Amino acid sequence: MMQDAIDVIQQFGFPIVMAVGMGYYIYYIWKYVTEEVAPKLEESHINLIKVIDQIRMLDNDLIRLQQKVNVVLEYEKLRNTSGDSDSDAGKPGSRGHDDVQVQKSKL
């Protein structure tokens, strides 16, 4: 095996043998990238787009939830400042702060 390599280098010269070797190496890397890496990269790109879309949906849900919480807090603040919560709290059958219902977020 080693003798064959030495014979080829003596016959064609070191630069020519190295040029052919580099050509084969470049072909091997190109073939590996196009057949193995490119499909996996495309699949990863598609998955990344899906994850970004899910993050945007969650962000929108968080914004809606924050708006709902702000409405509930504002409602409670208005209710406390009007004095109705003190008079309603002692009445039988009064539910106090349980009157507020928050809608569930659709996912």
PDB file of N, CA and C in Angstrom:
ATOM      1  N   MET A   1       0.835  -1.185   0.000  1.00  0.00           N
ATOM      2  CA  MET A   1       0.000   0.000   0.000  1.00  0.00           C
ATOM      3  C   MET A   1       0.879   1.248   0.000  1.00  0.00           C
ATOM      4  N   MET A   2       1.829   1.287   0.900  1.00  0.00           N
ATOM      5  CA  MET A   2       2.723   2.434   0.992  1.00  0.00           C
ATOM      6  C   MET A   2       3.611   2.528  -0.250  1.00  0.00           C
ATOM      7  N   GLN A   3       4.015   1.365  -0.734  1.00  0.00           N
ATOM      8  CA  GLN A   3       4.873   1.340  -1.933  1.00  0.00           C
ATOM      9  C   GLN A   3       4.098   1.856  -3.151  1.00  0.00           C
ATOM     10  N   ASP A   4       2.792   1.549  -3.223  1.00  0.00           N
ATOM     11  CA  ASP A   4       1.972   2.041  -4.336  1.00  0.00           C
ATOM     12  C   ASP A   4       1.894   3.564  -4.313  1.00  0.00           C
ATOM     13  N   ALA A   5       1.752   4.131  -3.131  1.00  0.00           N
ATOM     14  CA  ALA A   5       1.684   5.585  -3.017  1.00  0.00           C
ATOM     15  C   ALA A   5       3.005   6.219  -3.425  1.00  0.00           C
ATOM     16  N   ILE A   6       4.093   5.616  -3.023  1.00  0.00           N
ATOM     17  CA  ILE A   6       5.411   6.147  -3.389  1.00  0.00           C
ATOM     18  C   ILE A   6       5.623   6.056  -4.902  1.00  0.00           C
ATOM     19  N   ASP A   7       5.196   4.949  -5.524  1.00  0.00           N
ATOM     20  CA  ASP A   7       5.335   4.794  -6.973  1.00  0.00           C
ATOM     21  C   ASP A   7       4.508   5.840  -7.723  1.00  0.00           C
ATOM     22  N   VAL A   8       3.298   6.110  -7.247  1.00  0.00           N
ATOM     23  CA  VAL A   8       2.437   7.097  -7.907  1.00  0.00           C
ATOM     24  C   VAL A   8       3.058   8.491  -7.778  1.00  0.00           C
ATOM     25  N   ILE A   9       3.617   8.809  -6.606  1.00  0.00           N
ATOM     26  CA  ILE A   9       4.247  10.120  -6.419  1.00  0.00           C
ATOM     27  C   ILE A   9       5.490  10.238  -7.306  1.00  0.00           C
ATOM     28  N   GLN A  10       6.267   9.192  -7.442  1.00  0.00           N
ATOM     29  CA  GLN A  10       7.453   9.235  -8.301  1.00  0.00           C
ATOM     30  C   GLN A  10       7.078   9.364  -9.766  1.00  0.00           C
ATOM     31  N   GLN A  11       5.972   8.733 -10.155  1.00  0.00           N
ATOM     32  CA  GLN A  11       5.582   8.757 -11.567  1.00  0.00           C
ATOM     33  C   GLN A  11       4.964  10.095 -11.964  1.00  0.00           C
ATOM     34  N   PHE A  12       4.053  10.663 -11.114  1.00  0.00           N
ATOM     35  CA  PHE A  12       3.321  11.869 -11.509  1.00  0.00           C
ATOM     36  C   PHE A  12       3.810  13.139 -10.799  1.00  0.00           C
ATOM     37  N   GLY A  13       4.492  13.004  -9.715  1.00  0.00           N
ATOM     38  CA  GLY A  13       4.957  14.167  -8.969  1.00  0.00           C
ATOM     39  C   GLY A  13       4.021  14.460  -7.798  1.00  0.00           C
ATOM     40  N   PHE A  14       4.630  15.018  -6.773  1.00  0.00           N
ATOM     41  CA  PHE A  14       3.875  15.290  -5.537  1.00  0.00           C
ATOM     42  C   PHE A  14       2.725  16.296  -5.743  1.00  0.00           C
ATOM     43  N   PRO A  15       2.946  17.409  -6.465  1.00  0.00           N
ATOM     44  CA  PRO A  15       1.842  18.375  -6.640  1.00  0.00           C
ATOM     45  C   PRO A  15       0.625  17.787  -7.368  1.00  0.00           C
ATOM     46  N   ILE A  16       0.863  16.965  -8.357  1.00  0.00           N
ATOM     47  CA  ILE A  16      -0.236  16.367  -9.119  1.00  0.00           C
ATOM     48  C   ILE A  16      -1.015  15.397  -8.232  1.00  0.00           C
ATOM     49  N   VAL A  17      -0.325  14.563  -7.482  1.00  0.00           N
ATOM     50  CA  VAL A  17      -0.986  13.600  -6.601  1.00  0.00           C
ATOM     51  C   VAL A  17      -1.794  14.342  -5.531  1.00  0.00           C
ATOM     52  N   MET A  18      -1.226  15.407  -4.975  1.00  0.00           N
ATOM     53  CA  MET A  18      -1.948  16.189  -3.960  1.00  0.00           C
ATOM     54  C   MET A  18      -3.157  16.905  -4.567  1.00  0.00           C
ATOM     55  N   ALA A  19      -3.046  17.391  -5.787  1.00  0.00           N
ATOM     56  CA  ALA A  19      -4.172  18.049  -6.453  1.00  0.00           C
ATOM     57  C   ALA A  19      -5.320  17.056  -6.671  1.00  0.00           C
ATOM     58  N   VAL A  20      -4.986  15.842  -7.096  1.00  0.00           N
ATOM     59  CA  VAL A  20      -6.013  14.807  -7.279  1.00  0.00           C
ATOM     60  C   VAL A  20      -6.616  14.436  -5.933  1.00  0.00           C
ATOM     61  N   GLY A  21      -5.761  14.303  -4.913  1.00  0.00           N
ATOM     62  CA  GLY A  21      -6.271  13.991  -3.566  1.00  0.00           C
ATOM     63  C   GLY A  21      -7.197  15.087  -3.040  1.00  0.00           C
ATOM     64  N   MET A  22      -6.833  16.335  -3.242  1.00  0.00           N
ATOM     65  CA  MET A  22      -7.692  17.445  -2.804  1.00  0.00           C
ATOM     66  C   MET A  22      -8.995  17.465  -3.613  1.00  0.00           C
ATOM     67  N   GLY A  23      -8.908  17.151  -4.880  1.00  0.00           N
ATOM     68  CA  GLY A  23     -10.125  17.087  -5.695  1.00  0.00           C
ATOM     69  C   GLY A  23     -11.089  16.038  -5.165  1.00  0.00           C
ATOM     70  N   TYR A  24     -10.561  14.876  -4.817  1.00  0.00           N
ATOM     71  CA  TYR A  24     -11.409  13.825  -4.263  1.00  0.00           C
ATOM     72  C   TYR A  24     -11.981  14.256  -2.919  1.00  0.00           C
ATOM     73  N   TYR A  25     -11.154  14.889  -2.093  1.00  0.00           N
ATOM     74  CA  TYR A  25     -11.611  15.352  -0.773  1.00  0.00           C
ATOM     75  C   TYR A  25     -12.728  16.380  -0.921  1.00  0.00           C
ATOM     76  N   ILE A  26     -12.579  17.314  -1.838  1.00  0.00           N
ATOM     77  CA  ILE A  26     -13.617  18.327  -2.069  1.00  0.00           C
ATOM     78  C   ILE A  26     -14.899  17.672  -2.576  1.00  0.00           C
ATOM     79  N   TYR A  27     -14.773  16.715  -3.496  1.00  0.00           N
ATOM     80  CA  TYR A  27     -15.946  15.999  -3.990  1.00  0.00           C
ATOM     81  C   TYR A  27     -16.649  15.253  -2.860  1.00  0.00           C
ATOM     82  N   TYR A  28     -15.860  14.592  -1.990  1.00  0.00           N
ATOM     83  CA  TYR A  28     -16.427  13.839  -0.873  1.00  0.00           C
ATOM     84  C   TYR A  28     -17.180  14.774   0.074  1.00  0.00           C
ATOM     85  N   ILE A  29     -16.620  15.911   0.423  1.00  0.00           N
ATOM     86  CA  ILE A  29     -17.261  16.883   1.319  1.00  0.00           C
ATOM     87  C   ILE A  29     -18.513  17.446   0.657  1.00  0.00           C
ATOM     88  N   TRP A  30     -18.445  17.794  -0.628  1.00  0.00           N
ATOM     89  CA  TRP A  30     -19.616  18.340  -1.336  1.00  0.00           C
ATOM     90  C   TRP A  30     -20.760  17.325  -1.355  1.00  0.00           C
ATOM     91  N   LYS A  31     -20.419  16.069  -1.650  1.00  0.00           N
ATOM     92  CA  LYS A  31     -21.437  15.023  -1.685  1.00  0.00           C
ATOM     93  C   LYS A  31     -22.066  14.826  -0.306  1.00  0.00           C
ATOM     94  N   TYR A  32     -21.246  14.812   0.744  1.00  0.00           N
ATOM     95  CA  TYR A  32     -21.746  14.664   2.114  1.00  0.00           C
ATOM     96  C   TYR A  32     -22.669  15.822   2.490  1.00  0.00           C
ATOM     97  N   VAL A  33     -22.270  17.027   2.154  1.00  0.00           N
ATOM     98  CA  VAL A  33     -23.079  18.208   2.504  1.00  0.00           C
ATOM     99  C   VAL A  33     -24.408  18.193   1.757  1.00  0.00           C
ATOM    100  N   THR A  34     -24.386  17.895   0.480  1.00  0.00           N
ATOM    101  CA  THR A  34     -25.632  17.933  -0.289  1.00  0.00           C
ATOM    102  C   THR A  34     -26.576  16.778   0.048  1.00  0.00           C
ATOM    103  N   GLU A  35     -26.029  15.619   0.414  1.00  0.00           N
ATOM    104  CA  GLU A  35     -26.892  14.467   0.683  1.00  0.00           C
ATOM    105  C   GLU A  35     -27.254  14.318   2.158  1.00  0.00           C
ATOM    106  N   GLU A  36     -26.404  14.751   3.054  1.00  0.00           N
ATOM    107  CA  GLU A  36     -26.639  14.539   4.482  1.00  0.00           C
ATOM    108  C   GLU A  36     -27.022  15.818   5.229  1.00  0.00           C
ATOM    109  N   VAL A  37     -26.259  16.865   5.025  1.00  0.00           N
ATOM    110  CA  VAL A  37     -26.431  18.072   5.826  1.00  0.00           C
ATOM    111  C   VAL A  37     -27.597  18.922   5.314  1.00  0.00           C
ATOM    112  N   ALA A  38     -27.703  19.114   4.018  1.00  0.00           N
ATOM    113  CA  ALA A  38     -28.736  19.995   3.463  1.00  0.00           C
ATOM    114  C   ALA A  38     -30.158  19.555   3.846  1.00  0.00           C
ATOM    115  N   PRO A  39     -30.524  18.273   3.728  1.00  0.00           N
ATOM    116  CA  PRO A  39     -31.885  17.891   4.149  1.00  0.00           C
ATOM    117  C   PRO A  39     -32.129  18.119   5.642  1.00  0.00           C
ATOM    118  N   LYS A  40     -31.128  17.831   6.468  1.00  0.00           N
ATOM    119  CA  LYS A  40     -31.284  18.060   7.913  1.00  0.00           C
ATOM    120  C   LYS A  40     -31.405  19.547   8.210  1.00  0.00           C
ATOM    121  N   LEU A  41     -30.673  20.361   7.487  1.00  0.00           N
ATOM    122  CA  LEU A  41     -30.739  21.805   7.673  1.00  0.00           C
ATOM    123  C   LEU A  41     -32.114  22.338   7.271  1.00  0.00           C
ATOM    124  N   GLU A  42     -32.665  21.829   6.189  1.00  0.00           N
ATOM    125  CA  GLU A  42     -34.004  22.232   5.756  1.00  0.00           C
ATOM    126  C   GLU A  42     -35.045  21.827   6.795  1.00  0.00           C
ATOM    127  N   GLU A  43     -34.920  20.621   7.327  1.00  0.00           N
ATOM    128  CA  GLU A  43     -35.843  20.151   8.362  1.00  0.00           C
ATOM    129  C   GLU A  43     -35.731  21.019   9.621  1.00  0.00           C
ATOM    130  N   SER A  44     -34.522  21.370   9.983  1.00  0.00           N
ATOM    131  CA  SER A  44     -34.317  22.235  11.149  1.00  0.00           C
ATOM    132  C   SER A  44     -34.907  23.618  10.911  1.00  0.00           C
ATOM    133  N   HIS A  45     -34.785  24.113   9.695  1.00  0.00           N
ATOM    134  CA  HIS A  45     -35.345  25.421   9.356  1.00  0.00           C
ATOM    135  C   HIS A  45     -36.865  25.409   9.499  1.00  0.00           C
ATOM    136  N   ILE A  46     -37.500  24.355   9.035  1.00  0.00           N
ATOM    137  CA  ILE A  46     -38.956  24.228   9.145  1.00  0.00           C
ATOM    138  C   ILE A  46     -39.368  24.160  10.616  1.00  0.00           C
ATOM    139  N   ASN A  47     -38.622  23.384  11.416  1.00  0.00           N
ATOM    140  CA  ASN A  47     -38.923  23.293  12.843  1.00  0.00           C
ATOM    141  C   ASN A  47     -38.725  24.626  13.545  1.00  0.00           C
ATOM    142  N   LEU A  48     -37.720  25.381  13.141  1.00  0.00           N
ATOM    143  CA  LEU A  48     -37.485  26.697  13.721  1.00  0.00           C
ATOM    144  C   LEU A  48     -38.646  27.636  13.429  1.00  0.00           C
ATOM    145  N   ILE A  49     -39.167  27.585  12.220  1.00  0.00           N
ATOM    146  CA  ILE A  49     -40.317  28.418  11.864  1.00  0.00           C
ATOM    147  C   ILE A  49     -41.526  28.031  12.716  1.00  0.00           C
ATOM    148  N   LYS A  50     -41.737  26.730  12.935  1.00  0.00           N
ATOM    149  CA  LYS A  50     -42.852  26.280  13.776  1.00  0.00           C
ATOM    150  C   LYS A  50     -42.701  26.788  15.204  1.00  0.00           C
ATOM    151  N   VAL A  51     -41.483  26.718  15.743  1.00  0.00           N
ATOM    152  CA  VAL A  51     -41.252  27.181  17.111  1.00  0.00           C
ATOM    153  C   VAL A  51     -41.467  28.690  17.212  1.00  0.00           C
ATOM    154  N   ILE A  52     -41.015  29.440  16.231  1.00  0.00           N
ATOM    155  CA  ILE A  52     -41.227  30.892  16.239  1.00  0.00           C
ATOM    156  C   ILE A  52     -42.715  31.206  16.201  1.00  0.00           C
ATOM    157  N   ASP A  53     -43.478  30.493  15.387  1.00  0.00           N
ATOM    158  CA  ASP A  53     -44.925  30.696  15.336  1.00  0.00           C
ATOM    159  C   ASP A  53     -45.574  30.383  16.686  1.00  0.00           C
ATOM    160  N   GLN A  54     -45.137  29.315  17.338  1.00  0.00           N
ATOM    161  CA  GLN A  54     -45.698  28.975  18.648  1.00  0.00           C
ATOM    162  C   GLN A  54     -45.356  30.039  19.685  1.00  0.00           C
ATOM    163  N   ILE A  55     -44.142  30.577  19.624  1.00  0.00           N
ATOM    164  CA  ILE A  55     -43.753  31.639  20.556  1.00  0.00           C
ATOM    165  C   ILE A  55     -44.606  32.873  20.326  1.00  0.00           C
ATOM    166  N   ARG A  56     -44.873  33.208  19.079  1.00  0.00           N
ATOM    167  CA  ARG A  56     -45.737  34.366  18.775  1.00  0.00           C
ATOM    168  C   ARG A  56     -47.151  34.140  19.302  1.00  0.00           C
ATOM    169  N   MET A  57     -47.657  32.917  19.136  1.00  0.00           N
ATOM    170  CA  MET A  57     -48.996  32.615  19.658  1.00  0.00           C
ATOM    171  C   MET A  57     -49.017  32.751  21.174  1.00  0.00           C
ATOM    172  N   LEU A  58     -47.993  32.230  21.845  1.00  0.00           N
ATOM    173  CA  LEU A  58     -47.927  32.350  23.301  1.00  0.00           C
ATOM    174  C   LEU A  58     -47.795  33.807  23.734  1.00  0.00           C
ATOM    175  N   ASP A  59     -47.040  34.580  22.995  1.00  0.00           N
ATOM    176  CA  ASP A  59     -46.901  35.999  23.312  1.00  0.00           C
ATOM    177  C   ASP A  59     -48.245  36.706  23.182  1.00  0.00           C
ATOM    178  N   ASN A  60     -48.981  36.392  22.125  1.00  0.00           N
ATOM    179  CA  ASN A  60     -50.315  36.978  21.951  1.00  0.00           C
ATOM    180  C   ASN A  60     -51.248  36.551  23.083  1.00  0.00           C
ATOM    181  N   ASP A  61     -51.166  35.291  23.482  1.00  0.00           N
ATOM    182  CA  ASP A  61     -51.990  34.809  24.596  1.00  0.00           C
ATOM    183  C   ASP A  61     -51.633  35.530  25.892  1.00  0.00           C
ATOM    184  N   LEU A  62     -50.343  35.752  26.115  1.00  0.00           N
ATOM    185  CA  LEU A  62     -49.915  36.472  27.313  1.00  0.00           C
ATOM    186  C   LEU A  62     -50.411  37.918  27.304  1.00  0.00           C
ATOM    187  N   ILE A  63     -50.385  38.543  26.148  1.00  0.00           N
ATOM    188  CA  ILE A  63     -50.885  39.918  26.041  1.00  0.00           C
ATOM    189  C   ILE A  63     -52.377  39.951  26.346  1.00  0.00           C
ATOM    190  N   ARG A  64     -53.135  39.020  25.780  1.00  0.00           N
ATOM    191  CA  ARG A  64     -54.577  38.972  26.056  1.00  0.00           C
ATOM    192  C   ARG A  64     -54.848  38.688  27.524  1.00  0.00           C
ATOM    193  N   LEU A  65     -54.092  37.775  28.110  1.00  0.00           N
ATOM    194  CA  LEU A  65     -54.265  37.454  29.521  1.00  0.00           C
ATOM    195  C   LEU A  65     -53.943  38.667  30.389  1.00  0.00           C
ATOM    196  N   GLN A  66     -52.886  39.402  30.049  1.00  0.00           N
ATOM    197  CA  GLN A  66     -52.535  40.603  30.812  1.00  0.00           C
ATOM    198  C   GLN A  66     -53.646  41.645  30.704  1.00  0.00           C
ATOM    199  N   GLN A  67     -54.240  41.782  29.534  1.00  0.00           N
ATOM    200  CA  GLN A  67     -55.347  42.724  29.378  1.00  0.00           C
ATOM    201  C   GLN A  67     -56.538  42.303  30.229  1.00  0.00           C
ATOM    202  N   LYS A  68     -56.809  41.017  30.278  1.00  0.00           N
ATOM    203  CA  LYS A  68     -57.922  40.534  31.096  1.00  0.00           C
ATOM    204  C   LYS A  68     -57.645  40.782  32.575  1.00  0.00           C
ATOM    205  N   VAL A  69     -56.424  40.532  33.009  1.00  0.00           N
ATOM    206  CA  VAL A  69     -56.067  40.785  34.404  1.00  0.00           C
ATOM    207  C   VAL A  69     -56.196  42.268  34.715  1.00  0.00           C
ATOM    208  N   ASN A  70     -55.761  43.119  33.801  1.00  0.00           N
ATOM    209  CA  ASN A  70     -55.889  44.567  34.008  1.00  0.00           C
ATOM    210  C   ASN A  70     -57.352  44.978  34.131  1.00  0.00           C
ATOM    211  N   VAL A  71     -58.223  44.380  33.316  1.00  0.00           N
ATOM    212  CA  VAL A  71     -59.654  44.690  33.399  1.00  0.00           C
ATOM    213  C   VAL A  71     -60.203  44.255  34.755  1.00  0.00           C
ATOM    214  N   VAL A  72     -59.836  43.069  35.200  1.00  0.00           N
ATOM    215  CA  VAL A  72     -60.312  42.578  36.497  1.00  0.00           C
ATOM    216  C   VAL A  72     -59.815  43.475  37.620  1.00  0.00           C
ATOM    217  N   LEU A  73     -58.558  43.867  37.573  1.00  0.00           N
ATOM    218  CA  LEU A  73     -58.011  44.746  38.604  1.00  0.00           C
ATOM    219  C   LEU A  73     -58.689  46.108  38.589  1.00  0.00           C
ATOM    220  N   GLU A  74     -58.956  46.621  37.406  1.00  0.00           N
ATOM    221  CA  GLU A  74     -59.651  47.912  37.299  1.00  0.00           C
ATOM    222  C   GLU A  74     -61.080  47.787  37.826  1.00  0.00           C
ATOM    223  N   TYR A  75     -61.739  46.679  37.515  1.00  0.00           N
ATOM    224  CA  TYR A  75     -63.091  46.437  38.014  1.00  0.00           C
ATOM    225  C   TYR A  75     -63.089  46.376  39.542  1.00  0.00           C
ATOM    226  N   GLU A  76     -62.134  45.676  40.095  1.00  0.00           N
ATOM    227  CA  GLU A  76     -62.033  45.556  41.547  1.00  0.00           C
ATOM    228  C   GLU A  76     -61.720  46.910  42.182  1.00  0.00           C
ATOM    229  N   LYS A  77     -60.863  47.675  41.518  1.00  0.00           N
ATOM    230  CA  LYS A  77     -60.516  49.002  42.021  1.00  0.00           C
ATOM    231  C   LYS A  77     -61.744  49.912  42.023  1.00  0.00           C
ATOM    232  N   LEU A  78     -62.519  49.879  40.956  1.00  0.00           N
ATOM    233  CA  LEU A  78     -63.735  50.684  40.882  1.00  0.00           C
ATOM    234  C   LEU A  78     -64.753  50.230  41.922  1.00  0.00           C
ATOM    235  N   ARG A  79     -64.835  48.949  42.102  1.00  0.00           N
ATOM    236  CA  ARG A  79     -65.784  48.397  43.058  1.00  0.00           C
ATOM    237  C   ARG A  79     -65.410  48.778  44.491  1.00  0.00           C
ATOM    238  N   ASN A  80     -64.116  48.761  44.787  1.00  0.00           N
ATOM    239  CA  ASN A  80     -63.660  49.138  46.123  1.00  0.00           C
ATOM    240  C   ASN A  80     -63.826  50.634  46.379  1.00  0.00           C
ATOM    241  N   THR A  81     -63.630  51.453  45.380  1.00  0.00           N
ATOM    242  CA  THR A  81     -63.749  52.900  45.587  1.00  0.00           C
ATOM    243  C   THR A  81     -65.205  53.343  45.671  1.00  0.00           C
ATOM    244  N   SER A  82     -66.129  52.595  45.094  1.00  0.00           N
ATOM    245  CA  SER A  82     -67.535  52.992  45.141  1.00  0.00           C
ATOM    246  C   SER A  82     -68.190  52.649  46.472  1.00  0.00           C
ATOM    247  N   GLY A  83     -67.552  51.829  47.297  1.00  0.00           N
ATOM    248  CA  GLY A  83     -68.101  51.473  48.596  1.00  0.00           C
ATOM    249  C   GLY A  83     -69.077  50.319  48.536  1.00  0.00           C
ATOM    250  N   ASP A  84     -69.319  49.760  47.367  1.00  0.00           N
ATOM    251  CA  ASP A  84     -70.261  48.652  47.243  1.00  0.00           C
ATOM    252  C   ASP A  84     -69.708  47.367  47.833  1.00  0.00           C
ATOM    253  N   SER A  85     -68.430  47.192  47.811  1.00  0.00           N
ATOM    254  CA  SER A  85     -67.875  45.921  48.283  1.00  0.00           C
ATOM    255  C   SER A  85     -68.035  45.761  49.783  1.00  0.00           C
ATOM    256  N   ASP A  86     -68.005  46.869  50.550  1.00  0.00           N
ATOM    257  CA  ASP A  86     -68.184  46.768  51.997  1.00  0.00           C
ATOM    258  C   ASP A  86     -69.618  46.414  52.349  1.00  0.00           C
ATOM    259  N   SER A  87     -70.595  46.994  51.640  1.00  0.00           N
ATOM    260  CA  SER A  87     -71.992  46.721  51.960  1.00  0.00           C
ATOM    261  C   SER A  87     -72.437  45.356  51.445  1.00  0.00           C
ATOM    262  N   ASP A  88     -71.853  44.866  50.339  1.00  0.00           N
ATOM    263  CA  ASP A  88     -72.234  43.569  49.778  1.00  0.00           C
ATOM    264  C   ASP A  88     -71.578  42.417  50.522  1.00  0.00           C
ATOM    265  N   ALA A  89     -70.439  42.644  51.141  1.00  0.00           N
ATOM    266  CA  ALA A  89     -69.691  41.545  51.739  1.00  0.00           C
ATOM    267  C   ALA A  89     -70.429  40.916  52.905  1.00  0.00           C
ATOM    268  N   GLY A  90     -71.230  41.685  53.634  1.00  0.00           N
ATOM    269  CA  GLY A  90     -71.912  41.139  54.791  1.00  0.00           C
ATOM    270  C   GLY A  90     -73.258  40.527  54.483  1.00  0.00           C
ATOM    271  N   LYS A  91     -73.764  40.702  53.271  1.00  0.00           N
ATOM    272  CA  LYS A  91     -75.096  40.196  52.922  1.00  0.00           C
ATOM    273  C   LYS A  91     -75.057  38.690  52.705  1.00  0.00           C
ATOM    274  N   PRO A  92     -76.127  37.987  53.150  1.00  0.00           N
ATOM    275  CA  PRO A  92     -76.183  36.558  52.861  1.00  0.00           C
ATOM    276  C   PRO A  92     -76.324  36.324  51.353  1.00  0.00           C
ATOM    277  N   GLY A  93     -75.640  35.317  50.858  1.00  0.00           N
ATOM    278  CA  GLY A  93     -75.715  34.986  49.420  1.00  0.00           C
ATOM    279  C   GLY A  93     -74.769  35.826  48.587  1.00  0.00           C
ATOM    280  N   SER A  94     -74.072  36.755  49.179  1.00  0.00           N
ATOM    281  CA  SER A  94     -73.125  37.569  48.434  1.00  0.00           C
ATOM    282  C   SER A  94     -71.858  36.767  48.199  1.00  0.00           C
ATOM    283  N   ARG A  95     -71.353  36.886  46.995  1.00  0.00           N
ATOM    284  CA  ARG A  95     -70.161  36.130  46.661  1.00  0.00           C
ATOM    285  C   ARG A  95     -68.918  37.007  46.693  1.00  0.00           C
ATOM    286  N   GLY A  96     -69.043  38.247  47.007  1.00  0.00           N
ATOM    287  CA  GLY A  96     -67.886  39.133  47.104  1.00  0.00           C
ATOM    288  C   GLY A  96     -67.162  39.265  45.779  1.00  0.00           C
ATOM    289  N   HIS A  97     -65.907  38.862  45.732  1.00  0.00           N
ATOM    290  CA  HIS A  97     -65.086  39.012  44.530  1.00  0.00           C
ATOM    291  C   HIS A  97     -65.258  37.856  43.556  1.00  0.00           C
ATOM    292  N   ASP A  98     -66.081  36.884  43.861  1.00  0.00           N
ATOM    293  CA  ASP A  98     -66.258  35.731  42.979  1.00  0.00           C
ATOM    294  C   ASP A  98     -67.158  36.040  41.795  1.00  0.00           C
ATOM    295  N   ASP A  99     -67.738  37.257  41.745  1.00  0.00           N
ATOM    296  CA  ASP A  99     -68.621  37.615  40.642  1.00  0.00           C
ATOM    297  C   ASP A  99     -67.858  37.766  39.323  1.00  0.00           C
ATOM    298  N   VAL A 100     -66.569  37.985  39.383  1.00  0.00           N
ATOM    299  CA  VAL A 100     -65.781  38.238  38.192  1.00  0.00           C
ATOM    300  C   VAL A 100     -65.402  36.904  37.558  1.00  0.00           C
ATOM    301  N   GLN A 101     -65.672  36.796  36.260  1.00  0.00           N
ATOM    302  CA  GLN A 101     -65.313  35.590  35.532  1.00  0.00           C
ATOM    303  C   GLN A 101     -64.325  35.967  34.435  1.00  0.00           C
ATOM    304  N   VAL A 102     -63.292  35.175  34.286  1.00  0.00           N
ATOM    305  CA  VAL A 102     -62.287  35.411  33.254  1.00  0.00           C
ATOM    306  C   VAL A 102     -62.434  34.325  32.209  1.00  0.00           C
ATOM    307  N   GLN A 103     -62.473  34.743  30.935  1.00  0.00           N
ATOM    308  CA  GLN A 103     -62.602  33.778  29.839  1.00  0.00           C
ATOM    309  C   GLN A 103     -61.301  33.009  29.690  1.00  0.00           C
ATOM    310  N   LYS A 104     -61.427  31.756  29.276  1.00  0.00           N
ATOM    311  CA  LYS A 104     -60.247  30.946  29.015  1.00  0.00           C
ATOM    312  C   LYS A 104     -59.663  31.334  27.673  1.00  0.00           C
ATOM    313  N   SER A 105     -58.353  31.331  27.605  1.00  0.00           N
ATOM    314  CA  SER A 105     -57.653  31.638  26.366  1.00  0.00           C
ATOM    315  C   SER A 105     -57.710  30.438  25.426  1.00  0.00           C
ATOM    316  N   LYS A 106     -57.966  30.695  24.158  1.00  0.00           N
ATOM    317  CA  LYS A 106     -58.012  29.612  23.171  1.00  0.00           C
ATOM    318  C   LYS A 106     -56.614  29.399  22.633  1.00  0.00           C
ATOM    319  N   LEU A 107     -56.151  28.170  22.710  1.00  0.00           N
ATOM    320  CA  LEU A 107     -54.820  27.835  22.206  1.00  0.00           C
ATOM    321  C   LEU A 107     -54.901  26.997  20.980  1.00  0.00           C
TER     322      LEU A 107
END
